[in-house]
Amino acid sequence: MNTESMENKISVSIVEDDDEIRESLSILIQGNEGFSCEQIFPDCESALDKMIKAPDAVLMDIDLPGKSGIEGVKVLKERFPETEFIMLTISEETSHVFDSLCAGAGGYLKKNTPPSKILDAIKEVRSGGSPMSMEIARLVVESFRTQKKGYDLTEREREILQKLCKGHSYKMIAANLYIDINTVKYHIKNIYKKLQVNSKGEAISKSLKENLI
């Protein structure tokens, strides 16, 4: 392969702790014309220590052992300001999305994103776009709507608040969401605090009046 064709390839690095996912991403990138995969790391520490060449783009997991992907992006973006970062994760937590974008990430995709869409996202982010999975984009829009009221409810908190408004008990909510009842109580406590209310009735009334769900 000549030097010119190599220069035209988009170089992609991968930071992912799951061996199978890491290998699949590597095969995907390396096996498609126009891309090259030169640096692969199982954690942020390895990437921070050994990434000495600036790739065009990095696919970064969030929930990594040791330093999180968000922490890794903060450091690597300062080191390689021209490199674009795409978070590739199972997390739909709104806080993770915003923390990632604030750290310097240009995109945020679910790990179940079709391979062709991942390749398209890499091209898009290199062209100045901000690719996001449909579910993530919806979360961002919903979060902005809620944050305008100053409440900053998480997606899980909105789920629980919605079920409260439908008359579900704590036990019913726990069973429906497959979580422990103590977890439900923990989220409801946070909901009350954010909405500045002291009871279920007040929370329901406020959420309906202000169209929070």
Protein backbone atom coordinates (compact mmCIF):
# COMPACT_ATOMS: atom_id res chain seq x y z
CA MET A 1 0.00 0.00 0.00
CA ASN A 2 1.48 3.37 -0.99
CA THR A 3 2.05 6.32 1.34
CA GLU A 4 -0.71 8.43 -0.23
CA SER A 5 -3.43 5.83 0.41
CA MET A 6 -2.24 5.42 4.00
CA GLU A 7 -2.45 9.18 4.53
CA ASN A 8 -6.04 9.19 3.29
CA LYS A 9 -7.13 6.66 5.90
CA ILE A 10 -8.82 7.80 9.12
CA SER A 11 -6.69 6.48 11.98
CA VAL A 12 -8.77 5.23 14.91
CA SER A 13 -7.70 4.20 18.40
CA ILE A 14 -9.83 2.08 20.76
CA VAL A 15 -10.01 2.18 24.56
CA GLU A 16 -12.24 -0.69 25.73
CA ASP A 17 -11.86 -3.17 28.59
CA ASP A 18 -14.09 -5.91 27.16
CA ASP A 19 -11.84 -8.22 25.12
CA GLU A 20 -14.56 -9.33 22.72
CA ILE A 21 -15.87 -5.83 22.03
CA ARG A 22 -12.35 -4.47 21.66
CA GLU A 23 -11.47 -7.18 19.14
CA SER A 24 -14.72 -6.70 17.21
CA LEU A 25 -14.15 -2.95 16.94
CA SER A 26 -10.58 -3.52 15.81
CA ILE A 27 -11.71 -5.92 13.07
CA LEU A 28 -14.45 -3.50 12.02
CA ILE A 29 -12.08 -0.55 11.70
CA GLN A 30 -9.18 -2.41 10.14
CA GLY A 31 -11.41 -4.31 7.73
CA ASN A 32 -12.99 -1.28 6.11
CA GLU A 33 -11.41 0.77 3.37
CA GLY A 34 -10.61 4.29 4.45
CA PHE A 35 -9.90 3.38 8.09
CA SER A 36 -6.92 2.12 10.03
CA CYS A 37 -6.72 0.86 13.62
CA GLU A 38 -3.23 1.36 15.00
CA GLN A 39 -3.62 1.72 18.78
CA ILE A 40 -5.76 -0.47 21.05
CA PHE A 41 -5.90 -0.18 24.83
CA PRO A 42 -7.78 -2.09 27.59
CA ASP A 43 -7.92 0.89 29.98
CA CYS A 44 -7.29 4.61 30.29
CA GLU A 45 -4.02 4.18 32.13
CA SER A 46 -2.53 2.29 29.17
CA ALA A 47 -3.84 4.85 26.72
CA LEU A 48 -2.48 7.78 28.72
CA ASP A 49 0.90 6.07 29.04
CA LYS A 50 1.33 4.67 25.54
CA MET A 51 -0.67 6.85 23.15
CA ILE A 52 2.18 8.94 21.80
CA LYS A 53 0.79 9.42 18.29
CA ALA A 54 -2.37 11.49 17.78
CA PRO A 55 -5.08 9.42 16.07
CA ASP A 56 -7.82 11.07 14.03
CA ALA A 57 -10.48 9.59 16.30
CA VAL A 58 -10.81 7.53 19.48
CA LEU A 59 -13.64 5.16 20.41
CA MET A 60 -13.72 5.45 24.21
CA ASP A 61 -15.64 3.33 26.70
CA ILE A 62 -16.88 5.12 29.84
CA ASP A 63 -17.02 2.42 32.51
CA LEU A 64 -13.40 1.36 32.55
CA PRO A 65 -11.38 -0.13 35.42
CA GLY A 66 -9.37 2.60 37.11
CA LYS A 67 -9.80 5.97 35.39
CA SER A 68 -13.13 6.41 33.64
CA GLY A 69 -13.38 7.16 29.95
CA ILE A 70 -14.54 10.67 30.80
CA GLU A 71 -11.35 11.29 32.80
CA GLY A 72 -9.34 9.85 29.94
CA VAL A 73 -10.92 12.17 27.39
CA LYS A 74 -10.12 15.22 29.51
CA VAL A 75 -6.41 14.40 29.53
CA LEU A 76 -6.10 13.11 25.98
CA LYS A 77 -8.04 16.01 24.47
CA GLU A 78 -5.54 18.43 26.01
CA ARG A 79 -2.67 16.34 24.68
CA PHE A 80 -4.19 15.84 21.22
CA PRO A 81 -6.59 18.76 20.58
CA GLU A 82 -7.15 17.76 16.94
CA THR A 83 -8.26 14.23 17.87
CA GLU A 84 -12.01 13.57 18.01
CA PHE A 85 -13.49 11.34 20.71
CA ILE A 86 -16.63 9.22 20.49
CA MET A 87 -17.96 7.64 23.68
CA LEU A 88 -19.12 4.09 22.95
CA THR A 89 -21.00 2.80 25.97
CA ILE A 90 -24.07 1.11 27.42
CA SER A 91 -24.78 4.09 29.70
CA GLU A 92 -27.79 6.31 29.05
CA GLU A 93 -27.30 8.43 32.17
CA THR A 94 -27.81 12.05 31.20
CA SER A 95 -24.98 13.10 33.51
CA HIS A 96 -22.59 10.81 31.64
CA VAL A 97 -23.61 12.32 28.33
CA PHE A 98 -23.05 15.91 29.46
CA ASP A 99 -19.87 15.10 31.39
CA SER A 100 -18.48 13.41 28.28
CA LEU A 101 -19.31 16.34 26.03
CA CYS A 102 -17.89 18.81 28.54
CA ALA A 103 -14.70 16.75 28.73
CA GLY A 104 -14.23 17.12 24.99
CA ALA A 105 -16.05 14.20 23.38
CA GLY A 106 -17.62 14.92 20.01
CA GLY A 107 -20.07 12.02 19.91
CA TYR A 108 -21.88 9.52 22.12
CA LEU A 109 -23.07 6.13 20.83
CA LYS A 110 -24.62 3.03 22.37
CA LYS A 111 -22.52 -0.12 22.11
CA ASN A 112 -25.31 -1.85 20.20
CA THR A 113 -25.01 0.72 17.40
CA PRO A 114 -24.80 -1.11 14.04
CA PRO A 115 -21.21 -1.36 12.71
CA SER A 116 -21.99 0.75 9.63
CA LYS A 117 -23.34 3.51 11.87
CA ILE A 118 -20.15 3.49 13.95
CA LEU A 119 -18.09 4.01 10.79
CA ASP A 120 -20.46 6.77 9.66
CA ALA A 121 -20.14 8.42 13.10
CA ILE A 122 -16.34 8.45 12.84
CA LYS A 123 -16.58 10.18 9.46
CA GLU A 124 -19.18 12.59 10.82
CA VAL A 125 -17.18 13.61 13.87
CA ARG A 126 -14.13 14.17 11.69
CA SER A 127 -16.26 16.51 9.57
CA GLY A 128 -17.29 18.60 12.56
CA GLY A 129 -20.52 16.79 13.45
CA SER A 130 -21.65 15.42 16.81
CA PRO A 131 -23.02 11.92 16.18
CA MET A 132 -25.35 10.47 18.81
CA SER A 133 -27.55 7.42 19.02
CA MET A 134 -31.23 8.28 18.66
CA GLU A 135 -31.93 7.33 22.28
CA ILE A 136 -29.09 9.53 23.51
CA ALA A 137 -30.16 12.51 21.40
CA ARG A 138 -33.67 12.18 22.83
CA LEU A 139 -32.26 12.15 26.37
CA VAL A 140 -30.28 15.30 25.69
CA VAL A 141 -33.36 17.13 24.37
CA GLU A 142 -35.48 15.98 27.32
CA SER A 143 -32.76 16.94 29.75
CA PHE A 144 -32.53 20.46 28.32
CA ARG A 145 -36.29 20.82 28.70
CA THR A 146 -36.12 19.74 32.33
CA GLN A 147 -33.00 21.76 33.13
CA LYS A 148 -34.77 24.91 32.00
CA LYS A 149 -36.86 24.48 35.14
CA GLY A 150 -33.72 23.89 37.17
CA TYR A 151 -34.54 20.35 38.28
CA ASP A 152 -31.98 18.24 36.37
CA LEU A 153 -33.81 14.95 36.89
CA THR A 154 -32.04 11.84 35.62
CA GLU A 155 -33.73 9.49 33.18
CA ARG A 156 -34.31 6.96 35.97
CA GLU A 157 -35.80 9.63 38.22
CA ARG A 158 -38.20 10.68 35.44
CA GLU A 159 -39.19 7.03 34.98
CA ILE A 160 -39.99 6.67 38.67
CA LEU A 161 -41.78 10.02 38.81
CA GLN A 162 -43.92 8.98 35.85
CA LYS A 163 -44.91 5.76 37.61
CA LEU A 164 -45.70 7.65 40.80
CA CYS A 165 -48.06 9.85 38.80
CA LYS A 166 -49.75 6.71 37.49
CA GLY A 167 -50.43 5.63 41.06
CA HIS A 168 -47.83 2.86 41.29
CA SER A 169 -46.59 1.88 44.75
CA TYR A 170 -42.88 1.66 45.63
CA LYS A 171 -43.14 -2.12 45.40
CA MET A 172 -44.77 -1.97 41.98
CA ILE A 173 -42.13 0.45 40.70
CA ALA A 174 -39.31 -1.79 41.96
CA ALA A 175 -40.82 -4.85 40.28
CA ASN A 176 -41.50 -3.04 37.02
CA LEU A 177 -38.00 -1.55 36.77
CA TYR A 178 -36.24 -4.66 38.15
CA ILE A 179 -34.58 -2.74 40.97
CA ASP A 180 -34.56 -3.05 44.76
CA ILE A 181 -37.25 -1.18 46.70
CA ASN A 182 -34.51 0.63 48.65
CA THR A 183 -33.17 1.90 45.34
CA VAL A 184 -36.63 3.22 44.52
CA LYS A 185 -36.73 5.04 47.88
CA TYR A 186 -33.26 6.48 47.22
CA HIS A 187 -34.35 7.88 43.84
CA ILE A 188 -37.59 9.26 45.29
CA LYS A 189 -35.64 11.04 48.01
CA ASN A 190 -33.53 12.69 45.28
CA ILE A 191 -36.66 13.57 43.31
CA TYR A 192 -38.18 15.33 46.34
CA LYS A 193 -34.94 17.23 46.88
CA LYS A 194 -34.66 18.37 43.26
CA LEU A 195 -38.31 19.35 42.99
CA GLN A 196 -38.17 20.98 46.42
CA VAL A 197 -41.21 19.08 47.72
CA ASN A 198 -41.83 17.01 50.84
CA SER A 199 -44.37 14.40 49.78
CA LYS A 200 -45.52 12.17 46.98
CA GLY A 201 -48.63 14.30 46.50
CA GLU A 202 -46.58 17.48 46.10
CA ALA A 203 -44.22 15.75 43.68
CA ILE A 204 -47.09 14.49 41.53
CA SER A 205 -48.84 17.86 41.57
CA LYS A 206 -45.70 19.75 40.58
CA SER A 207 -44.75 17.30 37.84
CA LEU A 208 -48.21 17.52 36.28
CA LYS A 209 -48.49 21.32 36.55
CA GLU A 210 -45.04 21.86 35.02
CA ASN A 211 -45.26 19.02 32.49
CA LEU A 212 -42.12 17.25 33.75
CA ILE A 213 -43.11 13.81 32.50
